[in-house]
Amino acid sequence: MKDFTPEYVDDQTLPPPASGVVVPFNLPPSYTVRWVPRRKANVVAAVHAGILSMTDACFRYRLSPEEFLEWERQYKAGELTRPRASPKKPALH
């Protein structure tokens, strides 16, 4: 079994997604079409944890390298892990 503990820790270490620890069964299925922020964060976190390489993730999820790098930029900025506000529903009278 592969040890997923990073060999070093620095001040650039990224937090795991909101769901906690990333394990292979937390990854979205390879046939995913609708990419919500949580799924994107899980894929990026898996690459950062060494579960998948960027190349493997791009192949598995049919992503371009540019698309993955954009997800990674959003992940580092916290845009994929911050909770979103629910849209306000009109009052029923």
N, C-alpha and C. Protein backbone atom coordinates (compact mmCIF):
# COMPACT_ATOMS: atom_id res chain seq x y z
N MET A 1 0.84 -1.16 0.00
CA MET A 1 0.00 0.00 0.00
C MET A 1 0.90 1.24 0.00
N LYS A 2 0.57 2.20 -0.85
CA LYS A 2 1.39 3.40 -0.97
C LYS A 2 1.12 4.34 0.19
N ASP A 3 2.20 4.89 0.74
CA ASP A 3 2.09 5.87 1.81
C ASP A 3 1.93 7.23 1.17
N PHE A 4 0.83 7.92 1.47
CA PHE A 4 0.55 9.21 0.85
C PHE A 4 1.01 10.39 1.71
N THR A 5 1.83 10.14 2.70
CA THR A 5 2.35 11.20 3.53
C THR A 5 3.39 12.00 2.74
N PRO A 6 3.24 13.34 2.70
CA PRO A 6 4.23 14.11 1.95
C PRO A 6 5.62 13.97 2.57
N GLU A 7 6.64 14.01 1.72
CA GLU A 7 8.02 13.87 2.20
C GLU A 7 8.48 15.12 2.93
N TYR A 8 7.88 16.25 2.60
CA TYR A 8 8.24 17.49 3.27
C TYR A 8 6.98 18.35 3.39
N VAL A 9 7.01 19.25 4.33
CA VAL A 9 5.90 20.17 4.51
C VAL A 9 6.48 21.57 4.52
N ASP A 10 5.88 22.46 3.76
CA ASP A 10 6.35 23.85 3.74
C ASP A 10 5.14 24.76 3.94
N ASP A 11 5.40 26.06 3.92
CA ASP A 11 4.30 26.99 4.15
C ASP A 11 3.40 27.12 2.93
N GLN A 12 3.70 26.43 1.84
CA GLN A 12 2.87 26.45 0.64
C GLN A 12 1.91 25.26 0.61
N THR A 13 1.91 24.40 1.64
CA THR A 13 1.06 23.22 1.66
C THR A 13 -0.40 23.64 1.61
N LEU A 14 -1.17 22.98 0.74
CA LEU A 14 -2.57 23.32 0.57
C LEU A 14 -3.45 22.51 1.49
N PRO A 15 -4.55 23.09 1.95
CA PRO A 15 -5.46 22.34 2.81
C PRO A 15 -6.24 21.32 2.00
N PRO A 16 -6.69 20.24 2.62
CA PRO A 16 -7.51 19.26 1.90
C PRO A 16 -8.87 19.88 1.58
N PRO A 17 -9.63 19.29 0.69
CA PRO A 17 -10.96 19.82 0.40
C PRO A 17 -11.84 19.73 1.64
N ALA A 18 -12.98 20.40 1.58
CA ALA A 18 -13.88 20.47 2.73
C ALA A 18 -14.32 19.09 3.21
N SER A 19 -14.29 18.10 2.32
CA SER A 19 -14.73 16.77 2.73
C SER A 19 -13.70 16.04 3.58
N GLY A 20 -12.51 16.63 3.76
CA GLY A 20 -11.49 16.01 4.60
C GLY A 20 -10.42 15.34 3.78
N VAL A 21 -9.98 14.18 4.20
CA VAL A 21 -8.90 13.46 3.55
C VAL A 21 -9.35 12.91 2.20
N VAL A 22 -8.49 13.04 1.21
CA VAL A 22 -8.81 12.52 -0.12
C VAL A 22 -8.32 11.09 -0.22
N VAL A 23 -9.19 10.19 -0.55
CA VAL A 23 -8.84 8.81 -0.81
C VAL A 23 -9.42 8.45 -2.16
N PRO A 24 -8.89 7.42 -2.81
CA PRO A 24 -9.36 7.12 -4.17
C PRO A 24 -10.87 6.99 -4.32
N PHE A 25 -11.57 6.48 -3.31
CA PHE A 25 -13.01 6.34 -3.48
C PHE A 25 -13.75 7.66 -3.30
N ASN A 26 -13.08 8.76 -2.92
CA ASN A 26 -13.68 10.09 -2.88
C ASN A 26 -13.58 10.77 -4.23
N LEU A 27 -12.81 10.19 -5.15
CA LEU A 27 -12.66 10.81 -6.45
C LEU A 27 -13.94 10.65 -7.26
N PRO A 28 -14.27 11.65 -8.08
CA PRO A 28 -15.46 11.51 -8.91
C PRO A 28 -15.28 10.40 -9.94
N PRO A 29 -16.37 9.83 -10.43
CA PRO A 29 -16.24 8.80 -11.46
C PRO A 29 -15.63 9.39 -12.74
N SER A 30 -14.99 8.56 -13.53
CA SER A 30 -14.33 9.04 -14.74
C SER A 30 -15.30 9.57 -15.78
N TYR A 31 -16.56 9.22 -15.67
CA TYR A 31 -17.56 9.67 -16.65
C TYR A 31 -18.29 10.94 -16.20
N THR A 32 -17.76 11.64 -15.19
CA THR A 32 -18.39 12.86 -14.68
C THR A 32 -18.49 13.90 -15.79
N VAL A 33 -19.66 14.53 -15.89
CA VAL A 33 -19.89 15.56 -16.89
C VAL A 33 -20.07 16.92 -16.21
N ARG A 34 -20.80 16.94 -15.10
CA ARG A 34 -21.07 18.20 -14.39
C ARG A 34 -20.03 18.38 -13.29
N TRP A 35 -19.19 19.40 -13.44
CA TRP A 35 -18.09 19.62 -12.51
C TRP A 35 -18.43 20.71 -11.51
N VAL A 36 -18.94 20.31 -10.37
CA VAL A 36 -19.20 21.25 -9.28
C VAL A 36 -17.88 21.51 -8.56
N PRO A 37 -17.77 22.63 -7.84
CA PRO A 37 -16.51 22.96 -7.17
C PRO A 37 -15.95 21.85 -6.27
N ARG A 38 -16.82 21.14 -5.56
CA ARG A 38 -16.34 20.07 -4.67
C ARG A 38 -15.62 18.98 -5.44
N ARG A 39 -16.14 18.59 -6.59
CA ARG A 39 -15.49 17.55 -7.40
C ARG A 39 -14.16 18.03 -7.95
N LYS A 40 -14.13 19.28 -8.41
CA LYS A 40 -12.87 19.84 -8.90
C LYS A 40 -11.82 19.84 -7.79
N ALA A 41 -12.24 20.26 -6.58
CA ALA A 41 -11.31 20.31 -5.44
C ALA A 41 -10.79 18.92 -5.11
N ASN A 42 -11.64 17.90 -5.18
CA ASN A 42 -11.20 16.53 -4.88
C ASN A 42 -10.15 16.06 -5.89
N VAL A 43 -10.33 16.39 -7.16
CA VAL A 43 -9.36 15.97 -8.18
C VAL A 43 -8.03 16.69 -7.96
N VAL A 44 -8.07 18.00 -7.74
CA VAL A 44 -6.83 18.76 -7.52
C VAL A 44 -6.13 18.27 -6.25
N ALA A 45 -6.89 18.03 -5.19
CA ALA A 45 -6.30 17.54 -3.93
C ALA A 45 -5.66 16.17 -4.13
N ALA A 46 -6.27 15.31 -4.95
CA ALA A 46 -5.70 13.99 -5.22
C ALA A 46 -4.37 14.11 -5.94
N VAL A 47 -4.27 15.06 -6.86
CA VAL A 47 -3.00 15.28 -7.56
C VAL A 47 -1.96 15.80 -6.58
N HIS A 48 -2.34 16.73 -5.72
CA HIS A 48 -1.40 17.28 -4.74
C HIS A 48 -0.97 16.23 -3.71
N ALA A 49 -1.85 15.27 -3.43
CA ALA A 49 -1.52 14.22 -2.46
C ALA A 49 -0.73 13.08 -3.09
N GLY A 50 -0.59 13.09 -4.41
CA GLY A 50 0.17 12.05 -5.08
C GLY A 50 -0.66 10.81 -5.43
N ILE A 51 -1.97 10.90 -5.26
CA ILE A 51 -2.83 9.77 -5.61
C ILE A 51 -2.91 9.62 -7.12
N LEU A 52 -2.96 10.75 -7.82
CA LEU A 52 -2.97 10.79 -9.28
C LEU A 52 -1.89 11.76 -9.74
N SER A 53 -1.34 11.53 -10.91
CA SER A 53 -0.48 12.56 -11.50
C SER A 53 -1.39 13.51 -12.27
N MET A 54 -0.88 14.68 -12.61
CA MET A 54 -1.67 15.61 -13.39
C MET A 54 -2.03 14.98 -14.74
N THR A 55 -1.09 14.28 -15.35
CA THR A 55 -1.34 13.62 -16.63
C THR A 55 -2.45 12.59 -16.50
N ASP A 56 -2.38 11.76 -15.43
CA ASP A 56 -3.42 10.75 -15.20
C ASP A 56 -4.79 11.40 -14.99
N ALA A 57 -4.82 12.49 -14.22
CA ALA A 57 -6.09 13.17 -13.95
C ALA A 57 -6.66 13.74 -15.25
N CYS A 58 -5.82 14.35 -16.07
CA CYS A 58 -6.30 14.91 -17.34
C CYS A 58 -6.82 13.81 -18.25
N PHE A 59 -6.13 12.68 -18.31
CA PHE A 59 -6.57 11.58 -19.15
C PHE A 59 -7.87 10.97 -18.62
N ARG A 60 -7.91 10.72 -17.32
CA ARG A 60 -9.08 10.07 -16.71
C ARG A 60 -10.34 10.91 -16.85
N TYR A 61 -10.20 12.24 -16.67
CA TYR A 61 -11.37 13.11 -16.68
C TYR A 61 -11.51 13.92 -17.97
N ARG A 62 -10.72 13.59 -18.99
CA ARG A 62 -10.78 14.25 -20.29
C ARG A 62 -10.65 15.77 -20.16
N LEU A 63 -9.60 16.19 -19.46
CA LEU A 63 -9.32 17.61 -19.25
C LEU A 63 -8.11 18.02 -20.07
N SER A 64 -8.09 19.27 -20.47
CA SER A 64 -6.87 19.80 -21.07
C SER A 64 -5.96 20.22 -19.91
N PRO A 65 -4.65 20.27 -20.14
CA PRO A 65 -3.76 20.74 -19.07
C PRO A 65 -4.13 22.15 -18.61
N GLU A 66 -4.54 22.99 -19.53
CA GLU A 66 -4.92 24.36 -19.18
C GLU A 66 -6.14 24.38 -18.25
N GLU A 67 -7.10 23.48 -18.52
CA GLU A 67 -8.29 23.41 -17.68
C GLU A 67 -7.91 22.95 -16.27
N PHE A 68 -7.06 21.92 -16.17
CA PHE A 68 -6.63 21.47 -14.85
C PHE A 68 -5.88 22.58 -14.11
N LEU A 69 -4.99 23.28 -14.81
CA LEU A 69 -4.23 24.37 -14.16
C LEU A 69 -5.15 25.49 -13.68
N GLU A 70 -6.25 25.73 -14.39
CA GLU A 70 -7.23 26.72 -13.93
C GLU A 70 -7.92 26.23 -12.66
N TRP A 71 -8.27 24.94 -12.61
CA TRP A 71 -8.86 24.38 -11.38
C TRP A 71 -7.88 24.52 -10.23
N GLU A 72 -6.60 24.25 -10.51
CA GLU A 72 -5.58 24.33 -9.47
C GLU A 72 -5.44 25.77 -8.97
N ARG A 73 -5.48 26.73 -9.89
CA ARG A 73 -5.41 28.15 -9.49
C ARG A 73 -6.60 28.49 -8.59
N GLN A 74 -7.79 28.03 -8.97
CA GLN A 74 -8.98 28.29 -8.16
C GLN A 74 -8.87 27.61 -6.79
N TYR A 75 -8.32 26.42 -6.77
CA TYR A 75 -8.15 25.67 -5.51
C TYR A 75 -7.21 26.42 -4.58
N LYS A 76 -6.07 26.88 -5.11
CA LYS A 76 -5.10 27.61 -4.29
C LYS A 76 -5.67 28.92 -3.77
N ALA A 77 -6.55 29.55 -4.57
CA ALA A 77 -7.17 30.81 -4.16
C ALA A 77 -8.32 30.59 -3.18
N GLY A 78 -8.68 29.32 -2.95
CA GLY A 78 -9.78 29.01 -2.04
C GLY A 78 -11.15 29.12 -2.67
N GLU A 79 -11.19 29.29 -3.99
CA GLU A 79 -12.47 29.46 -4.66
C GLU A 79 -13.26 28.16 -4.79
N LEU A 80 -12.59 27.02 -4.68
CA LEU A 80 -13.28 25.74 -4.80
C LEU A 80 -13.70 25.17 -3.46
N THR A 81 -13.14 25.67 -2.38
CA THR A 81 -13.43 25.09 -1.08
C THR A 81 -14.30 25.98 -0.20
N ARG A 82 -14.51 27.22 -0.59
CA ARG A 82 -15.31 28.10 0.25
C ARG A 82 -16.79 27.84 0.01
N PRO A 83 -17.58 27.87 1.07
CA PRO A 83 -19.01 27.63 0.91
C PRO A 83 -19.66 28.72 0.08
N ARG A 84 -20.62 28.34 -0.73
CA ARG A 84 -21.34 29.32 -1.55
C ARG A 84 -22.67 29.62 -0.91
N ALA A 85 -23.13 30.85 -1.09
CA ALA A 85 -24.44 31.24 -0.58
C ALA A 85 -25.51 30.64 -1.48
N SER A 86 -26.57 30.21 -0.86
CA SER A 86 -27.70 29.69 -1.63
C SER A 86 -28.46 30.86 -2.23
N PRO A 87 -29.00 30.69 -3.44
CA PRO A 87 -29.78 31.78 -4.01
C PRO A 87 -31.06 32.00 -3.20
N LYS A 88 -31.44 33.26 -3.08
CA LYS A 88 -32.66 33.57 -2.33
C LYS A 88 -33.87 33.14 -3.13
N LYS A 89 -34.78 32.47 -2.46
CA LYS A 89 -36.01 32.03 -3.10
C LYS A 89 -37.10 33.08 -2.86
N PRO A 90 -37.88 33.35 -3.88
CA PRO A 90 -38.95 34.34 -3.67
C PRO A 90 -39.98 33.83 -2.66
N ALA A 91 -40.52 34.73 -1.90
CA ALA A 91 -41.53 34.37 -0.90
C ALA A 91 -42.83 33.98 -1.60
N LEU A 92 -43.43 32.94 -1.12
CA LEU A 92 -44.72 32.52 -1.68
C LEU A 92 -45.84 33.17 -0.89
N HIS A 93 -46.77 33.80 -1.61
CA HIS A 93 -47.90 34.45 -0.94
C HIS A 93 -49.16 33.73 -1.22
